[in-house]
Structures are given as C-alpha cells and as structure tokens.
PDB file of all heavy atoms in Angstrom:
ATOM      1  N   ASP A   1      93.273  86.327 109.535  1.00  0.00           N
ATOM      2  CA  ASP A   1      94.472  87.102 109.701  1.00  0.00           C
ATOM      3  C   ASP A   1      95.457  86.677 108.636  1.00  0.00           C
ATOM      4  O   ASP A   1      95.292  87.029 107.483  1.00  0.00           O
ATOM      5  CB  ASP A   1      95.050  86.883 111.108  1.00  0.00           C
ATOM      6  CG  ASP A   1      96.038  87.967 111.469  1.00  0.00           C
ATOM      7  OD1 ASP A   1      96.380  88.849 110.616  1.00  0.00           O
ATOM      8  OD2 ASP A   1      96.466  87.986 112.653  1.00  0.00           O
ATOM      9  N   LYS A   2      96.508  85.963 108.951  1.00  0.00           N
ATOM     10  CA  LYS A   2      97.570  85.680 107.990  1.00  0.00           C
ATOM     11  C   LYS A   2      97.544  84.244 107.533  1.00  0.00           C
ATOM     12  O   LYS A   2      97.337  83.282 108.313  1.00  0.00           O
ATOM     13  CB  LYS A   2      98.954  85.989 108.678  1.00  0.00           C
ATOM     14  CG  LYS A   2      99.120  87.431 108.996  1.00  0.00           C
ATOM     15  CD  LYS A   2     100.395  87.723 109.737  1.00  0.00           C
ATOM     16  CE  LYS A   2     100.349  87.403 111.260  1.00  0.00           C
ATOM     17  NZ  LYS A   2      99.458  88.236 111.954  1.00  0.00           N
ATOM     18  N   GLY A   3      97.765  84.017 106.227  1.00  0.00           N
ATOM     19  CA  GLY A   3      97.923  82.643 105.748  1.00  0.00           C
ATOM     20  C   GLY A   3      99.156  82.014 106.280  1.00  0.00           C
ATOM     21  O   GLY A   3      99.108  80.922 106.931  1.00  0.00           O
ATOM     22  N   PHE A   4     100.328  82.631 106.066  1.00  0.00           N
ATOM     23  CA  PHE A   4     101.585  82.216 106.658  1.00  0.00           C
ATOM     24  C   PHE A   4     102.176  83.348 107.424  1.00  0.00           C
ATOM     25  O   PHE A   4     102.368  84.432 106.822  1.00  0.00           O
ATOM     26  CB  PHE A   4     102.550  81.708 105.563  1.00  0.00           C
ATOM     27  CG  PHE A   4     102.139  80.471 104.848  1.00  0.00           C
ATOM     28  CD1 PHE A   4     101.554  80.568 103.627  1.00  0.00           C
ATOM     29  CD2 PHE A   4     102.338  79.258 105.382  1.00  0.00           C
ATOM     30  CE1 PHE A   4     101.221  79.395 102.906  1.00  0.00           C
ATOM     31  CE2 PHE A   4     101.920  78.069 104.759  1.00  0.00           C
ATOM     32  CZ  PHE A   4     101.368  78.184 103.474  1.00  0.00           C
ATOM     33  N   SER A   5     102.392  83.132 108.707  1.00  0.00           N
ATOM     34  CA  SER A   5     103.027  84.206 109.565  1.00  0.00           C
ATOM     35  C   SER A   5     104.455  83.707 109.976  1.00  0.00           C
ATOM     36  O   SER A   5     104.615  82.567 110.515  1.00  0.00           O
ATOM     37  CB  SER A   5     102.198  84.409 110.818  1.00  0.00           C
ATOM     38  OG  SER A   5     102.821  85.367 111.653  1.00  0.00           O
ATOM     39  N   ILE A   6     105.427  84.489 109.659  1.00  0.00           N
ATOM     40  CA  ILE A   6     106.821  84.074 109.858  1.00  0.00           C
ATOM     41  C   ILE A   6     107.534  85.139 110.673  1.00  0.00           C
ATOM     42  O   ILE A   6     107.726  86.270 110.227  1.00  0.00           O
ATOM     43  CB  ILE A   6     107.552  83.874 108.519  1.00  0.00           C
ATOM     44  CG1 ILE A   6     106.797  82.825 107.677  1.00  0.00           C
ATOM     45  CG2 ILE A   6     108.973  83.465 108.672  1.00  0.00           C
ATOM     46  CD1 ILE A   6     107.044  82.882 106.211  1.00  0.00           C
ATOM     47  N   GLY A   7     107.946  84.822 111.889  1.00  0.00           N
ATOM     48  CA  GLY A   7     108.571  85.785 112.770  1.00  0.00           C
ATOM     49  C   GLY A   7     109.299  85.137 113.925  1.00  0.00           C
ATOM     50  O   GLY A   7     109.828  84.074 113.794  1.00  0.00           O
ATOM     51  N   ILE A   8     109.271  85.868 115.056  1.00  0.00           N
ATOM     52  CA  ILE A   8     110.015  85.413 116.269  1.00  0.00           C
ATOM     53  C   ILE A   8     109.046  85.212 117.409  1.00  0.00           C
ATOM     54  O   ILE A   8     107.939  85.786 117.414  1.00  0.00           O
ATOM     55  CB  ILE A   8     111.136  86.363 116.655  1.00  0.00           C
ATOM     56  CG1 ILE A   8     110.571  87.753 117.026  1.00  0.00           C
ATOM     57  CG2 ILE A   8     112.216  86.477 115.597  1.00  0.00           C
ATOM     58  CD1 ILE A   8     111.643  88.711 117.529  1.00  0.00           C
ATOM     59  N   GLY A   9     109.441  84.431 118.417  1.00  0.00           N
ATOM     60  CA  GLY A   9     108.569  84.195 119.567  1.00  0.00           C
ATOM     61  C   GLY A   9     108.533  85.333 120.507  1.00  0.00           C
ATOM     62  O   GLY A   9     107.471  85.674 121.088  1.00  0.00           O
ATOM     63  N   ALA A  10     109.703  85.982 120.725  1.00  0.00           N
ATOM     64  CA  ALA A  10     109.812  87.051 121.673  1.00  0.00           C
ATOM     65  C   ALA A  10     111.029  87.863 121.334  1.00  0.00           C
ATOM     66  O   ALA A  10     111.921  87.437 120.592  1.00  0.00           O
ATOM     67  CB  ALA A  10     109.883  86.538 123.123  1.00  0.00           C
ATOM     68  N   ALA A  11     111.085  89.044 121.887  1.00  0.00           N
ATOM     69  CA  ALA A  11     112.225  89.935 121.576  1.00  0.00           C
ATOM     70  C   ALA A  11     113.527  89.237 121.996  1.00  0.00           C
ATOM     71  O   ALA A  11     113.641  88.661 123.051  1.00  0.00           O
ATOM     72  CB  ALA A  11     112.085  91.274 122.357  1.00  0.00           C
ATOM     73  N   GLY A  12     114.509  89.309 121.058  1.00  0.00           N
ATOM     74  CA  GLY A  12     115.775  88.675 121.343  1.00  0.00           C
ATOM     75  C   GLY A  12     115.905  87.225 120.968  1.00  0.00           C
ATOM     76  O   GLY A  12     116.993  86.677 121.025  1.00  0.00           O
ATOM     77  N   SER A  13     114.824  86.607 120.586  1.00  0.00           N
ATOM     78  CA  SER A  13     114.892  85.136 120.206  1.00  0.00           C
ATOM     79  C   SER A  13     115.337  85.028 118.746  1.00  0.00           C
ATOM     80  O   SER A  13     115.404  86.028 118.002  1.00  0.00           O
ATOM     81  CB  SER A  13     113.515  84.488 120.446  1.00  0.00           C
ATOM     82  OG  SER A  13     112.482  85.171 119.673  1.00  0.00           O
ATOM     83  N   GLN A  14     115.667  83.784 118.393  1.00  0.00           N
ATOM     84  CA  GLN A  14     116.156  83.555 117.050  1.00  0.00           C
ATOM     85  C   GLN A  14     115.090  83.730 115.983  1.00  0.00           C
ATOM     86  O   GLN A  14     113.938  83.610 116.230  1.00  0.00           O
ATOM     87  CB  GLN A  14     116.726  82.124 116.959  1.00  0.00           C
ATOM     88  CG  GLN A  14     118.032  81.955 117.803  1.00  0.00           C
ATOM     89  CD  GLN A  14     118.608  80.586 117.639  1.00  0.00           C
ATOM     90  OE1 GLN A  14     118.357  79.692 118.414  1.00  0.00           O
ATOM     91  NE2 GLN A  14     119.376  80.386 116.562  1.00  0.00           N
ATOM     92  N   ILE A  15     115.559  84.070 114.783  1.00  0.00           N
ATOM     93  CA  ILE A  15     114.625  84.369 113.693  1.00  0.00           C
ATOM     94  C   ILE A  15     114.161  83.082 113.063  1.00  0.00           C
ATOM     95  O   ILE A  15     114.688  81.967 113.303  1.00  0.00           O
ATOM     96  CB  ILE A  15     115.305  85.211 112.613  1.00  0.00           C
ATOM     97  CG1 ILE A  15     116.459  84.420 111.942  1.00  0.00           C
ATOM     98  CG2 ILE A  15     115.790  86.513 113.150  1.00  0.00           C
ATOM     99  CD1 ILE A  15     117.074  85.106 110.720  1.00  0.00           C
ATOM    100  N   SER A  16     113.075  83.178 112.314  1.00  0.00           N
ATOM    101  CA  SER A  16     112.576  82.008 111.509  1.00  0.00           C
ATOM    102  C   SER A  16     113.146  82.091 110.132  1.00  0.00           C
ATOM    103  O   SER A  16     113.346  83.150 109.584  1.00  0.00           O
ATOM    104  CB  SER A  16     111.051  82.074 111.377  1.00  0.00           C
ATOM    105  OG  SER A  16     110.414  81.718 112.630  1.00  0.00           O
ATOM    106  N   GLU A  17     113.471  80.944 109.568  1.00  0.00           N
ATOM    107  CA  GLU A  17     113.854  80.831 108.164  1.00  0.00           C
ATOM    108  C   GLU A  17     113.029  79.726 107.533  1.00  0.00           C
ATOM    109  O   GLU A  17     113.048  78.542 107.929  1.00  0.00           O
ATOM    110  CB  GLU A  17     115.374  80.446 108.017  1.00  0.00           C
ATOM    111  CG  GLU A  17     116.259  81.501 108.568  1.00  0.00           C
ATOM    112  CD  GLU A  17     117.752  81.198 108.296  1.00  0.00           C
ATOM    113  OE1 GLU A  17     118.003  80.212 107.658  1.00  0.00           O
ATOM    114  OE2 GLU A  17     118.583  81.987 108.778  1.00  0.00           O
ATOM    115  N   VAL A  18     112.107  80.109 106.612  1.00  0.00           N
ATOM    116  CA  VAL A  18     111.113  79.231 106.078  1.00  0.00           C
ATOM    117  C   VAL A  18     111.147  79.192 104.544  1.00  0.00           C
ATOM    118  O   VAL A  18     111.344  80.229 103.895  1.00  0.00           O
ATOM    119  CB  VAL A  18     109.700  79.766 106.574  1.00  0.00           C
ATOM    120  CG1 VAL A  18     108.589  78.922 105.913  1.00  0.00           C
ATOM    121  CG2 VAL A  18     109.574  79.728 108.077  1.00  0.00           C
ATOM    122  N   GLU A  19     110.943  77.970 104.019  1.00  0.00           N
ATOM    123  CA  GLU A  19     110.859  77.807 102.580  1.00  0.00           C
ATOM    124  C   GLU A  19     109.394  77.506 102.224  1.00  0.00           C
ATOM    125  O   GLU A  19     108.788  76.561 102.781  1.00  0.00           O
ATOM    126  CB  GLU A  19     111.696  76.579 102.141  1.00  0.00           C
ATOM    127  CG  GLU A  19     113.149  76.790 102.383  1.00  0.00           C
ATOM    128  CD  GLU A  19     113.964  75.540 101.900  1.00  0.00           C
ATOM    129  OE1 GLU A  19     113.479  74.753 101.105  1.00  0.00           O
ATOM    130  OE2 GLU A  19     115.113  75.383 102.395  1.00  0.00           O
ATOM    131  N   LEU A  20     108.784  78.320 101.367  1.00  0.00           N
ATOM    132  CA  LEU A  20     107.486  78.090 100.842  1.00  0.00           C
ATOM    133  C   LEU A  20     107.522  77.822  99.352  1.00  0.00           C
ATOM    134  O   LEU A  20     107.977  78.630  98.562  1.00  0.00           O
ATOM    135  CB  LEU A  20     106.620  79.382 101.043  1.00  0.00           C
ATOM    136  CG  LEU A  20     106.395  79.828 102.527  1.00  0.00           C
ATOM    137  CD1 LEU A  20     107.295  80.940 102.856  1.00  0.00           C
ATOM    138  CD2 LEU A  20     104.977  80.272 102.745  1.00  0.00           C
ATOM    139  N   THR A  21     107.052  76.602  99.035  1.00  0.00           N
ATOM    140  CA  THR A  21     107.096  76.175  97.637  1.00  0.00           C
ATOM    141  C   THR A  21     105.769  75.549  97.247  1.00  0.00           C
ATOM    142  O   THR A  21     105.217  74.687  97.870  1.00  0.00           O
ATOM    143  CB  THR A  21     108.215  75.096  97.439  1.00  0.00           C
ATOM    144  OG1 THR A  21     109.454  75.621  97.899  1.00  0.00           O
ATOM    145  CG2 THR A  21     108.317  74.671  96.005  1.00  0.00           C
ATOM    146  N   GLY A  22     105.193  76.089  96.177  1.00  0.00           N
ATOM    147  CA  GLY A  22     103.978  75.522  95.574  1.00  0.00           C
ATOM    148  C   GLY A  22     102.767  75.638  96.435  1.00  0.00           C
ATOM    149  O   GLY A  22     101.854  74.753  96.321  1.00  0.00           O
ATOM    150  N   ASN A  23     102.621  76.629  97.313  1.00  0.00           N
ATOM    151  CA  ASN A  23     101.474  76.796  98.156  1.00  0.00           C
ATOM    152  C   ASN A  23     100.448  77.701  97.491  1.00  0.00           C
ATOM    153  O   ASN A  23     100.820  78.631  96.746  1.00  0.00           O
ATOM    154  CB  ASN A  23     101.890  77.385  99.493  1.00  0.00           C
ATOM    155  CG  ASN A  23     102.863  76.545 100.222  1.00  0.00           C
ATOM    156  OD1 ASN A  23     102.556  75.512 100.796  1.00  0.00           O
ATOM    157  ND2 ASN A  23     104.120  76.951 100.220  1.00  0.00           N
ATOM    158  N   ILE A  24      99.158  77.466  97.794  1.00  0.00           N
ATOM    159  CA  ILE A  24      98.138  78.272  97.267  1.00  0.00           C
ATOM    160  C   ILE A  24      97.421  78.962  98.432  1.00  0.00           C
ATOM    161  O   ILE A  24      96.896  78.300  99.393  1.00  0.00           O
ATOM    162  CB  ILE A  24      97.050  77.405  96.481  1.00  0.00           C
ATOM    163  CG1 ILE A  24      97.764  76.751  95.282  1.00  0.00           C
ATOM    164  CG2 ILE A  24      95.905  78.304  96.023  1.00  0.00           C
ATOM    165  CD1 ILE A  24      96.850  75.779  94.542  1.00  0.00           C
ATOM    166  N   ILE A  25      97.380  80.262  98.421  1.00  0.00           N
ATOM    167  CA  ILE A  25      96.830  81.012  99.551  1.00  0.00           C
ATOM    168  C   ILE A  25      95.746  81.954  98.978  1.00  0.00           C
ATOM    169  O   ILE A  25      95.953  82.717  98.019  1.00  0.00           O
ATOM    170  CB  ILE A  25      97.919  81.906 100.231  1.00  0.00           C
ATOM    171  CG1 ILE A  25      99.100  81.031 100.641  1.00  0.00           C
ATOM    172  CG2 ILE A  25      97.398  82.590 101.412  1.00  0.00           C
ATOM    173  CD1 ILE A  25     100.307  81.294  99.758  1.00  0.00           C
ATOM    174  N   SER A  26      94.532  81.899  99.525  1.00  0.00           N
ATOM    175  CA  SER A  26      93.464  82.767  99.057  1.00  0.00           C
ATOM    176  C   SER A  26      92.499  83.126 100.230  1.00  0.00           C
ATOM    177  O   SER A  26      92.377  82.353 101.191  1.00  0.00           O
ATOM    178  CB  SER A  26      92.623  82.022  97.967  1.00  0.00           C
ATOM    179  OG  SER A  26      92.084  80.814  98.424  1.00  0.00           O
ATOM    180  N   GLY A  27      91.899  84.240 100.136  1.00  0.00           N
ATOM    181  CA  GLY A  27      90.858  84.665 101.040  1.00  0.00           C
ATOM    182  C   GLY A  27      91.448  84.923 102.481  1.00  0.00           C
ATOM    183  O   GLY A  27      90.760  84.632 103.467  1.00  0.00           O
ATOM    184  N   CYS A  28      92.630  85.493 102.546  1.00  0.00           N
ATOM    185  CA  CYS A  28      93.250  85.828 103.892  1.00  0.00           C
ATOM    186  C   CYS A  28      93.321  87.393 103.989  1.00  0.00           C
ATOM    187  O   CYS A  28      93.369  88.088 102.948  1.00  0.00           O
ATOM    188  CB  CYS A  28      94.616  85.210 103.998  1.00  0.00           C
ATOM    189  SG  CYS A  28      94.681  83.479 103.761  1.00  0.00           S
ATOM    190  N   TYR A  29      93.467  87.880 105.165  1.00  0.00           N
ATOM    191  CA  TYR A  29      93.775  89.284 105.293  1.00  0.00           C
ATOM    192  C   TYR A  29      95.130  89.577 104.766  1.00  0.00           C
ATOM    193  O   TYR A  29      95.338  90.461 103.908  1.00  0.00           O
ATOM    194  CB  TYR A  29      93.651  89.766 106.777  1.00  0.00           C
ATOM    195  CG  TYR A  29      93.994  91.230 106.897  1.00  0.00           C
ATOM    196  CD1 TYR A  29      93.121  92.223 106.479  1.00  0.00           C
ATOM    197  CD2 TYR A  29      95.220  91.554 107.410  1.00  0.00           C
ATOM    198  CE1 TYR A  29      93.461  93.562 106.610  1.00  0.00           C
ATOM    199  CE2 TYR A  29      95.543  92.979 107.560  1.00  0.00           C
ATOM    200  CZ  TYR A  29      94.671  93.925 107.125  1.00  0.00           C
ATOM    201  OH  TYR A  29      95.016  95.278 107.228  1.00  0.00           O
ATOM    202  N   THR A  30      96.131  88.834 105.229  1.00  0.00           N
ATOM    203  CA  THR A  30      97.480  88.868 104.632  1.00  0.00           C
ATOM    204  C   THR A  30      97.868  87.470 104.162  1.00  0.00           C
ATOM    205  O   THR A  30      97.836  86.527 104.934  1.00  0.00           O
ATOM    206  CB  THR A  30      98.548  89.361 105.658  1.00  0.00           C
ATOM    207  OG1 THR A  30      98.186  90.669 106.149  1.00  0.00           O
ATOM    208  CG2 THR A  30      99.938  89.477 105.021  1.00  0.00           C
ATOM    209  N   GLY A  31      98.259  87.319 102.923  1.00  0.00           N
ATOM    210  CA  GLY A  31      98.699  86.020 102.406  1.00  0.00           C
ATOM    211  C   GLY A  31      99.883  85.506 103.095  1.00  0.00           C
ATOM    212  O   GLY A  31      99.884  84.401 103.703  1.00  0.00           O
ATOM    213  N   ILE A  32     101.016  86.214 103.020  1.00  0.00           N
ATOM    214  CA  ILE A  32     102.291  85.805 103.633  1.00  0.00           C
ATOM    215  C   ILE A  32     102.859  86.990 104.343  1.00  0.00           C
ATOM    216  O   ILE A  32     103.013  88.084 103.803  1.00  0.00           O
ATOM    217  CB  ILE A  32     103.311  85.339 102.552  1.00  0.00           C
ATOM    218  CG1 ILE A  32     102.688  84.171 101.754  1.00  0.00           C
ATOM    219  CG2 ILE A  32     104.607  84.901 103.238  1.00  0.00           C
ATOM    220  CD1 ILE A  32     103.589  83.763 100.568  1.00  0.00           C
ATOM    221  N   ALA A  33     103.163  86.861 105.660  1.00  0.00           N
ATOM    222  CA  ALA A  33     103.674  87.933 106.465  1.00  0.00           C
ATOM    223  C   ALA A  33     105.091  87.508 106.985  1.00  0.00           C
ATOM    224  O   ALA A  33     105.224  86.393 107.532  1.00  0.00           O
ATOM    225  CB  ALA A  33     102.776  88.225 107.648  1.00  0.00           C
ATOM    226  N   ILE A  34     106.076  88.349 106.770  1.00  0.00           N
ATOM    227  CA  ILE A  34     107.419  88.128 107.208  1.00  0.00           C
ATOM    228  C   ILE A  34     107.823  89.301 108.072  1.00  0.00           C
ATOM    229  O   ILE A  34     107.743  90.442 107.623  1.00  0.00           O
ATOM    230  CB  ILE A  34     108.485  87.880 106.105  1.00  0.00           C
ATOM    231  CG1 ILE A  34     107.885  87.005 105.024  1.00  0.00           C
ATOM    232  CG2 ILE A  34     109.750  87.360 106.636  1.00  0.00           C
ATOM    233  CD1 ILE A  34     107.392  87.653 103.786  1.00  0.00           C
ATOM    234  N   LYS A  35     108.363  89.023 109.302  1.00  0.00           N
ATOM    235  CA  LYS A  35     108.615  90.095 110.209  1.00  0.00           C
ATOM    236  C   LYS A  35     109.750  89.854 111.107  1.00  0.00           C
ATOM    237  O   LYS A  35     110.280  88.703 111.177  1.00  0.00           O
ATOM    238  CB  LYS A  35     107.348  90.398 111.058  1.00  0.00           C
ATOM    239  CG  LYS A  35     106.759  89.160 111.700  1.00  0.00           C
ATOM    240  CD  LYS A  35     105.439  89.441 112.373  1.00  0.00           C
ATOM    241  CE  LYS A  35     104.795  88.275 113.051  1.00  0.00           C
ATOM    242  NZ  LYS A  35     104.391  87.227 112.156  1.00  0.00           N
ATOM    243  N   ASP A  36     110.301  90.932 111.735  1.00  0.00           N
ATOM    244  CA  ASP A  36     111.269  90.819 112.801  1.00  0.00           C
ATOM    245  C   ASP A  36     112.569  90.061 112.361  1.00  0.00           C
ATOM    246  O   ASP A  36     113.119  89.190 112.981  1.00  0.00           O
ATOM    247  CB  ASP A  36     110.655  90.083 114.002  1.00  0.00           C
ATOM    248  CG  ASP A  36     109.513  90.851 114.632  1.00  0.00           C
ATOM    249  OD1 ASP A  36     109.476  92.060 114.379  1.00  0.00           O
ATOM    250  OD2 ASP A  36     108.654  90.199 115.244  1.00  0.00           O
ATOM    251  N   ASP A  37     113.109  90.506 111.192  1.00  0.00           N
ATOM    252  CA  ASP A  37     114.346  90.045 110.606  1.00  0.00           C
ATOM    253  C   ASP A  37     114.312  88.592 110.180  1.00  0.00           C
ATOM    254  O   ASP A  37     115.339  88.010 109.860  1.00  0.00           O
ATOM    255  CB  ASP A  37     115.483  90.251 111.654  1.00  0.00           C
ATOM    256  CG  ASP A  37     116.849  90.422 110.954  1.00  0.00           C
ATOM    257  OD1 ASP A  37     116.839  90.959 109.820  1.00  0.00           O
ATOM    258  OD2 ASP A  37     117.896  90.016 111.521  1.00  0.00           O
ATOM    259  N   SER A  38     113.135  87.937 110.169  1.00  0.00           N
ATOM    260  CA  SER A  38     113.056  86.584 109.689  1.00  0.00           C
ATOM    261  C   SER A  38     113.080  86.571 108.161  1.00  0.00           C
ATOM    262  O   SER A  38     112.955  87.627 107.523  1.00  0.00           O
ATOM    263  CB  SER A  38     111.726  85.909 110.229  1.00  0.00           C
ATOM    264  OG  SER A  38     111.835  85.692 111.634  1.00  0.00           O
ATOM    265  N   TYR A  39     113.232  85.391 107.583  1.00  0.00           N
ATOM    266  CA  TYR A  39     113.480  85.268 106.158  1.00  0.00           C
ATOM    267  C   TYR A  39     112.573  84.173 105.567  1.00  0.00           C
ATOM    268  O   TYR A  39     112.370  83.131 106.179  1.00  0.00           O
ATOM    269  CB  TYR A  39     114.947  84.889 105.894  1.00  0.00           C
ATOM    270  CG  TYR A  39     115.210  84.600 104.439  1.00  0.00           C
ATOM    271  CD1 TYR A  39     115.339  85.631 103.519  1.00  0.00           C
ATOM    272  CD2 TYR A  39     115.321  83.316 103.981  1.00  0.00           C
ATOM    273  CE1 TYR A  39     115.608  85.456 102.180  1.00  0.00           C
ATOM    274  CE2 TYR A  39     115.577  83.076 102.622  1.00  0.00           C
ATOM    275  CZ  TYR A  39     115.723  84.107 101.745  1.00  0.00           C
ATOM    276  OH  TYR A  39     115.996  83.869 100.389  1.00  0.00           O
ATOM    277  N   ALA A  40     111.997  84.500 104.381  1.00  0.00           N
ATOM    278  CA  ALA A  40     111.171  83.494 103.668  1.00  0.00           C
ATOM    279  C   ALA A  40     111.690  83.409 102.250  1.00  0.00           C
ATOM    280  O   ALA A  40     111.847  84.425 101.568  1.00  0.00           O
ATOM    281  CB  ALA A  40     109.726  83.913 103.702  1.00  0.00           C
ATOM    282  N   GLU A  41     111.815  82.174 101.775  1.00  0.00           N
ATOM    283  CA  GLU A  41     112.141  81.912 100.357  1.00  0.00           C
ATOM    284  C   GLU A  41     110.817  81.425  99.747  1.00  0.00           C
ATOM    285  O   GLU A  41     110.397  80.337 100.049  1.00  0.00           O
ATOM    286  CB  GLU A  41     113.235  80.896 100.235  1.00  0.00           C
ATOM    287  CG  GLU A  41     113.654  80.593  98.844  1.00  0.00           C
ATOM    288  CD  GLU A  41     114.885  79.658  98.803  1.00  0.00           C
ATOM    289  OE1 GLU A  41     115.940  79.993  99.309  1.00  0.00           O
ATOM    290  OE2 GLU A  41     114.692  78.563  98.251  1.00  0.00           O
ATOM    291  N   ILE A  42     110.230  82.221  98.917  1.00  0.00           N
ATOM    292  CA  ILE A  42     108.919  81.973  98.353  1.00  0.00           C
ATOM    293  C   ILE A  42     109.064  81.594  96.883  1.00  0.00           C
ATOM    294  O   ILE A  42     109.409  82.521  96.055  1.00  0.00           O
ATOM    295  CB  ILE A  42     107.985  83.233  98.522  1.00  0.00           C
ATOM    296  CG1 ILE A  42     107.989  83.642 100.000  1.00  0.00           C
ATOM    297  CG2 ILE A  42     106.634  82.937  97.985  1.00  0.00           C
ATOM    298  CD1 ILE A  42     107.293  84.976 100.276  1.00  0.00           C
ATOM    299  N   THR A  43     108.770  80.356  96.554  1.00  0.00           N
ATOM    300  CA  THR A  43     108.949  79.902  95.172  1.00  0.00           C
ATOM    301  C   THR A  43     107.707  79.193  94.657  1.00  0.00           C
ATOM    302  O   THR A  43     107.166  78.327  95.324  1.00  0.00           O
ATOM    303  CB  THR A  43     110.137  78.884  95.115  1.00  0.00           C
ATOM    304  OG1 THR A  43     111.310  79.461  95.681  1.00  0.00           O
ATOM    305  CG2 THR A  43     110.412  78.449  93.695  1.00  0.00           C
ATOM    306  N   GLY A  44     107.218  79.659  93.509  1.00  0.00           N
ATOM    307  CA  GLY A  44     106.068  78.976  92.874  1.00  0.00           C
ATOM    308  C   GLY A  44     104.822  78.985  93.714  1.00  0.00           C
ATOM    309  O   GLY A  44     104.179  77.961  93.772  1.00  0.00           O
TER     310      GLY A  44
END
C-alpha cells in the first residue's frame, strides 16, 4: 500500500504534521500519501 501514510485517526481528530528528510521509497503502491488536512514537509 503506502510507504508513508500521513493522516488522522478519526473524523474530527487532530491532523498529522510530519517531516520527511532523506528517505528512500521504492516499490510501493503509493510512495507518500497525505490526507485529511494533514501536512508533510518533504525534503531530499
């Protein structure tokens, strides 16, 4: 499925804020998924 999945636990819960730096992702259906108003800072 997803290499990195970034979202919320349930409706109305707080969002995720994630920093991704220097990661290598290969052979996934989705490399990085961000959903439900969550935020990802993806660097390098």
